[in-house]
Amino acid sequence: MHKNIQTFLACDAEYEEADVVLFGAPFDGTTSFRPGTRFGPSAIRNDSFGIETYSPYCDRDLTECKVFDGGDLELPFGNTERALSMIEDYAKTVLKAGKKFVMLGGEHLVTLGTIRALMPLHPDLHIIHLDAHTDLRTEYLGEALSHSTVMYQVWKLAGDGRIHQFGIRSGEKYEFEFAAAHTKLQKFDLSGFKEMTEVLKDKPVYFSLDLDVLDPSVFWGTGTPEAGGITFKELMEAVLMLHRLRVVSCDINELSPHYDPSGCSTAVACKLTREILLQIAR
């Protein structure tokens, strides 16, 4: 394990001393609308130097944390299962060393690789899923592995009542019907998030953030923008509650930086990455 040549802001600890490992999974091989999330991790790294290491939100500084940035995985094009296996293997290596990780995607399917790595260690794992989309399709265009099926695939591993979905405002009717029976889904906003942290405070939790949960007026650098999303302030309030939970690892997905030439969407992703790192590196 060697540091990436260019690391995310202040994430320059050596692997052996680090508590948290940051790495990128630049894969968008199943993107069904506008591709480009493969460029998200490097854009977040590059633009992180436009923000400060200090967070006025939680009064902590990244320089106080030991975070190792391992760079981006070299994932193959055209082989979805192999890409997922590589993500799983990397996550297993990090977990075996007693560390947590923050994965930068990529499309949301990359989450399946990390959940596969975590389930043997945490069979009672709960997944908090913030997204505009249900991601509960059983297949998409005949393919079982897709960014639109990822939470259905995760459900097959975790089971009923383990997936807590917030901000959902798009999906097929049968996906919402499936969610009513098998997951805990909050449409449109983050209502009940604080109460959920009380219920799950002693459980192992994986936090999966699809950035398109934000309204496109805040975050338009994504492949599948959906009107009616939450505000940055609402999302930040949820992120700042993560310290109440036993978060074992997390991911941040679905930045397609070139759809927002202003760079504002990437700046949003950078700030959220900083805050999530500060929450789980406590």
Protein backbone atom coordinates (compact mmCIF):
# COMPACT_ATOMS: atom_id res chain seq x y z
CA MET A 1 0.00 0.00 0.00
CA HIS A 2 1.56 3.26 -1.19
CA LYS A 3 0.08 6.75 -1.06
CA ASN A 4 -1.23 8.20 -4.27
CA ILE A 5 1.12 10.82 -5.69
CA GLN A 6 -1.61 13.45 -5.29
CA THR A 7 -3.73 12.84 -2.22
CA PHE A 8 -7.01 14.31 -1.07
CA LEU A 9 -6.42 17.35 1.12
CA ALA A 10 -4.28 16.38 4.17
CA CYS A 11 -4.89 12.63 3.62
CA ASP A 12 -1.16 11.91 3.52
CA ALA A 13 -0.68 9.47 6.42
CA GLU A 14 1.26 6.26 5.81
CA TYR A 15 -0.88 3.16 5.45
CA GLU A 16 0.43 1.51 8.61
CA GLU A 17 -0.46 4.49 10.83
CA ALA A 18 -3.77 5.36 9.21
CA ASP A 19 -7.16 4.78 10.85
CA VAL A 20 -9.09 5.43 7.62
CA VAL A 21 -8.26 4.60 4.00
CA LEU A 22 -9.57 6.73 1.15
CA PHE A 23 -9.66 5.17 -2.31
CA GLY A 24 -11.36 5.68 -5.65
CA ALA A 25 -13.46 3.25 -7.68
CA PRO A 26 -13.69 5.03 -11.06
CA PHE A 27 -16.22 2.71 -12.71
CA ASP A 28 -19.28 3.68 -14.74
CA GLY A 29 -19.66 0.64 -16.97
CA THR A 30 -23.41 0.24 -16.39
CA THR A 31 -24.42 3.91 -16.46
CA SER A 32 -27.73 4.06 -18.32
CA PHE A 33 -28.13 7.79 -19.03
CA ARG A 34 -25.12 10.13 -19.01
CA PRO A 35 -21.71 8.54 -18.33
CA GLY A 36 -18.77 10.22 -16.65
CA THR A 37 -18.65 9.20 -12.99
CA ARG A 38 -15.33 7.46 -13.63
CA PHE A 39 -13.81 10.96 -13.53
CA GLY A 40 -15.33 11.76 -10.13
CA PRO A 41 -12.64 10.47 -7.75
CA SER A 42 -9.74 12.25 -9.44
CA ALA A 43 -11.75 15.49 -9.70
CA ILE A 44 -12.52 15.39 -5.97
CA ARG A 45 -8.85 14.83 -5.22
CA ASN A 46 -7.69 17.62 -7.54
CA ASP A 47 -10.19 20.20 -6.32
CA SER A 48 -9.86 19.36 -2.61
CA PHE A 49 -7.09 21.94 -2.35
CA GLY A 50 -9.69 24.63 -2.94
CA ILE A 51 -11.13 24.05 0.54
CA GLU A 52 -9.58 24.23 4.00
CA THR A 53 -8.59 21.33 6.23
CA TYR A 54 -10.55 22.92 9.08
CA SER A 55 -14.29 22.31 9.39
CA PRO A 56 -16.33 25.03 11.11
CA TYR A 57 -19.25 22.58 11.05
CA CYS A 58 -17.72 20.22 13.62
CA ASP A 59 -14.74 22.27 14.85
CA ARG A 60 -12.19 19.68 13.75
CA ASP A 61 -9.30 19.64 11.31
CA LEU A 62 -8.25 16.94 8.85
CA THR A 63 -4.65 17.43 9.94
CA GLU A 64 -5.69 15.91 13.27
CA CYS A 65 -6.72 12.67 11.54
CA LYS A 66 -4.66 9.85 10.09
CA VAL A 67 -6.08 9.16 6.63
CA PHE A 68 -4.27 7.25 3.90
CA ASP A 69 -5.16 7.99 0.27
CA GLY A 70 -4.45 4.92 -1.84
CA GLY A 71 -5.51 6.53 -5.11
CA ASP A 72 -7.87 5.03 -7.66
CA LEU A 73 -8.20 1.33 -8.42
CA GLU A 74 -7.36 0.42 -12.02
CA LEU A 75 -10.70 -1.15 -12.88
CA PRO A 76 -11.24 -2.94 -16.21
CA PHE A 77 -13.63 -1.69 -18.85
CA GLY A 78 -16.26 -4.14 -20.04
CA ASN A 79 -16.05 -6.56 -17.11
CA THR A 80 -18.44 -5.53 -14.37
CA GLU A 81 -18.00 -8.60 -12.17
CA ARG A 82 -14.21 -8.33 -12.24
CA ALA A 83 -14.41 -4.63 -11.30
CA LEU A 84 -16.64 -5.52 -8.34
CA SER A 85 -14.25 -8.29 -7.29
CA MET A 86 -11.32 -5.87 -7.33
CA ILE A 87 -13.25 -3.41 -5.15
CA GLU A 88 -14.19 -6.24 -2.78
CA ASP A 89 -10.59 -7.47 -2.53
CA TYR A 90 -9.25 -3.99 -1.78
CA ALA A 91 -11.92 -3.38 0.86
CA LYS A 92 -11.17 -6.75 2.46
CA THR A 93 -7.48 -5.86 2.70
CA VAL A 94 -8.30 -2.59 4.45
CA LEU A 95 -10.79 -4.21 6.82
CA LYS A 96 -8.43 -7.07 7.65
CA ALA A 97 -5.90 -4.44 8.78
CA GLY A 98 -8.47 -3.09 11.25
CA LYS A 99 -9.13 0.11 9.31
CA LYS A 100 -12.22 1.82 7.92
CA PHE A 101 -12.50 3.08 4.35
CA VAL A 102 -14.19 5.84 2.40
CA MET A 103 -14.68 4.90 -1.24
CA LEU A 104 -15.12 7.57 -3.92
CA GLY A 105 -17.16 6.37 -6.91
CA GLY A 106 -17.90 5.95 -9.71
CA GLU A 107 -21.43 4.88 -10.33
CA HIS A 108 -23.46 3.47 -7.47
CA LEU A 109 -22.97 -0.18 -8.40
CA VAL A 110 -19.49 0.01 -6.86
CA THR A 111 -21.21 -0.14 -3.45
CA LEU A 112 -21.99 -3.83 -4.06
CA GLY A 113 -18.27 -4.64 -3.99
CA THR A 114 -17.75 -3.07 -0.57
CA ILE A 115 -20.90 -4.62 0.91
CA ARG A 116 -19.66 -8.04 -0.23
CA ALA A 117 -16.47 -7.38 1.73
CA LEU A 118 -18.28 -6.18 4.85
CA MET A 119 -21.05 -8.77 5.25
CA PRO A 120 -18.83 -11.65 6.47
CA LEU A 121 -17.42 -9.37 9.19
CA HIS A 122 -20.75 -7.74 10.07
CA PRO A 123 -23.63 -10.13 9.36
CA ASP A 124 -25.97 -7.70 11.14
CA LEU A 125 -24.87 -4.77 8.96
CA HIS A 126 -27.32 -1.93 8.31
CA ILE A 127 -27.01 0.25 5.22
CA ILE A 128 -28.02 3.93 5.20
CA HIS A 129 -28.72 4.88 1.60
CA LEU A 130 -29.20 8.53 0.56
CA ASP A 131 -30.24 8.85 -3.06
CA ALA A 132 -32.73 10.31 -5.51
CA HIS A 133 -33.40 6.81 -6.88
CA THR A 134 -34.68 3.60 -5.36
CA ASP A 135 -31.99 1.45 -7.09
CA LEU A 136 -34.22 -1.56 -6.40
CA ARG A 137 -34.80 -2.84 -9.91
CA THR A 138 -34.35 -6.58 -10.27
CA GLU A 139 -32.68 -6.04 -13.65
CA TYR A 140 -32.09 -3.28 -16.18
CA LEU A 141 -32.06 -4.08 -19.91
CA GLY A 142 -31.61 -7.72 -18.99
CA GLU A 143 -28.63 -7.14 -16.68
CA ALA A 144 -28.78 -8.02 -13.00
CA LEU A 145 -25.71 -5.91 -12.16
CA SER A 146 -26.48 -2.24 -12.75
CA HIS A 147 -26.38 1.07 -10.93
CA SER A 148 -30.18 0.85 -10.92
CA THR A 149 -30.19 -2.61 -9.27
CA VAL A 150 -27.50 -2.08 -6.66
CA MET A 151 -29.75 -1.83 -3.59
CA TYR A 152 -31.72 -4.88 -4.71
CA GLN A 153 -28.43 -6.78 -4.89
CA VAL A 154 -27.46 -5.43 -1.46
CA TRP A 155 -30.85 -6.52 -0.09
CA LYS A 156 -30.15 -10.06 -1.32
CA LEU A 157 -27.08 -10.03 0.96
CA ALA A 158 -28.43 -8.12 3.96
CA GLY A 159 -32.11 -9.07 4.08
CA ASP A 160 -35.27 -7.29 5.21
CA GLY A 161 -35.20 -4.16 7.34
CA ARG A 162 -31.47 -3.55 6.91
CA ILE A 163 -31.57 -0.87 4.20
CA HIS A 164 -32.64 2.62 5.30
CA GLN A 165 -33.36 4.82 2.27
CA PHE A 166 -33.80 8.59 2.36
CA GLY A 167 -34.51 11.29 -0.22
CA ILE A 168 -35.93 8.83 -2.75
CA ARG A 169 -38.05 10.48 -5.41
CA SER A 170 -37.63 8.34 -8.54
CA GLY A 171 -38.15 4.70 -9.46
CA GLU A 172 -40.53 2.19 -10.99
CA LYS A 173 -43.81 1.56 -9.15
CA TYR A 174 -42.80 -2.01 -8.32
CA GLU A 175 -39.60 -0.72 -6.68
CA PHE A 176 -41.60 1.38 -4.22
CA GLU A 177 -43.87 -1.60 -3.58
CA PHE A 178 -40.81 -3.77 -2.95
CA ALA A 179 -39.40 -1.15 -0.58
CA ALA A 180 -42.65 -1.05 1.42
CA ALA A 181 -42.21 -4.76 2.13
CA HIS A 182 -38.45 -5.12 2.46
CA THR A 183 -36.60 -1.84 3.15
CA LYS A 184 -37.29 1.32 5.13
CA LEU A 185 -37.83 4.08 2.61
CA GLN A 186 -38.43 7.78 3.22
CA LYS A 187 -39.64 9.55 0.11
CA PHE A 188 -38.45 13.02 -0.90
CA ASP A 189 -36.53 14.12 2.21
CA LEU A 190 -34.56 13.10 5.32
CA SER A 191 -37.47 12.97 7.76
CA GLY A 192 -36.76 10.48 10.52
CA PHE A 193 -32.99 10.44 10.01
CA LYS A 194 -32.24 11.64 13.54
CA GLU A 195 -34.63 9.10 15.05
CA MET A 196 -33.00 6.36 12.99
CA THR A 197 -29.59 7.18 14.48
CA GLU A 198 -31.02 6.42 17.93
CA VAL A 199 -32.36 3.06 16.78
CA LEU A 200 -29.12 2.03 15.06
CA LYS A 201 -26.57 3.54 17.45
CA ASP A 202 -25.25 0.13 18.58
CA LYS A 203 -25.41 -1.57 15.16
CA PRO A 204 -22.67 -1.69 12.50
CA VAL A 205 -23.65 0.82 9.81
CA TYR A 206 -22.48 1.41 6.25
CA PHE A 207 -23.24 4.89 4.87
CA SER A 208 -23.77 5.13 1.12
CA LEU A 209 -24.21 8.63 -0.31
CA ASP A 210 -25.39 9.10 -3.88
CA LEU A 211 -24.81 12.80 -4.43
CA ASP A 212 -27.87 13.13 -6.66
CA VAL A 213 -29.96 13.08 -3.48
CA LEU A 214 -29.19 16.80 -3.60
CA ASP A 215 -31.41 19.07 -5.66
CA PRO A 216 -29.93 19.77 -9.13
CA SER A 217 -29.88 23.47 -8.27
CA VAL A 218 -27.19 22.56 -5.71
CA PHE A 219 -25.54 19.65 -7.50
CA TRP A 220 -25.96 19.41 -11.24
CA GLY A 221 -22.72 17.61 -12.06
CA THR A 222 -24.27 14.16 -12.16
CA GLY A 223 -25.49 11.72 -14.77
CA THR A 224 -29.08 11.39 -13.56
CA PRO A 225 -30.26 14.69 -12.03
CA GLU A 226 -33.69 14.55 -10.40
CA ALA A 227 -35.69 17.66 -9.51
CA GLY A 228 -37.03 18.01 -5.98
CA GLY A 229 -33.95 17.05 -3.99
CA ILE A 230 -32.73 18.09 -0.57
CA THR A 231 -30.60 21.13 0.20
CA PHE A 232 -26.90 21.11 1.06
CA LYS A 233 -27.75 22.24 4.60
CA GLU A 234 -30.12 19.31 5.09
CA LEU A 235 -27.50 16.86 3.86
CA MET A 236 -24.80 18.39 6.04
CA GLU A 237 -27.01 18.07 9.11
CA ALA A 238 -27.36 14.35 8.38
CA VAL A 239 -23.63 13.90 7.82
CA LEU A 240 -22.89 15.60 11.15
CA MET A 241 -25.01 12.95 12.88
CA LEU A 242 -22.80 10.10 11.68
CA HIS A 243 -20.67 10.29 14.81
CA ARG A 244 -23.70 9.01 16.74
CA LEU A 245 -23.47 5.76 14.80
CA ARG A 246 -21.03 2.88 14.65
CA VAL A 247 -20.08 3.58 11.04
CA VAL A 248 -17.81 0.80 9.78
CA SER A 249 -17.14 2.39 6.36
CA CYS A 250 -18.86 4.46 3.69
CA ASP A 251 -18.91 5.65 0.09
CA ILE A 252 -19.64 8.80 -1.92
CA ASN A 253 -20.85 8.29 -5.49
CA GLU A 254 -22.16 9.75 -8.74
CA LEU A 255 -20.18 12.94 -9.35
CA SER A 256 -19.79 13.48 -13.11
CA PRO A 257 -17.67 16.64 -12.98
CA HIS A 258 -17.74 17.61 -16.65
CA TYR A 259 -21.52 18.25 -16.59
CA ASP A 260 -20.85 21.20 -14.29
CA PRO A 261 -18.08 23.28 -15.90
CA SER A 262 -18.37 25.83 -13.09
CA GLY A 263 -16.79 23.31 -10.70
CA CYS A 264 -19.44 23.96 -8.05
CA SER A 265 -20.64 20.34 -7.97
CA THR A 266 -17.10 19.11 -7.43
CA ALA A 267 -16.64 21.67 -4.65
CA VAL A 268 -19.78 20.30 -2.97
CA ALA A 269 -18.40 16.76 -3.24
CA CYS A 270 -15.06 17.88 -1.78
CA LYS A 271 -16.65 19.50 1.26
CA LEU A 272 -18.86 16.47 1.91
CA THR A 273 -15.85 14.17 1.61
CA ARG A 274 -13.99 16.25 4.20
CA GLU A 275 -16.92 16.19 6.61
CA ILE A 276 -17.53 12.45 6.23
CA LEU A 277 -13.84 11.73 6.83
CA LEU A 278 -13.92 13.86 9.97
CA GLN A 279 -17.00 12.04 11.25
CA ILE A 280 -15.73 8.50 10.82
CA ALA A 281 -12.11 9.24 11.80
CA ARG A 282 -13.13 10.22 15.34
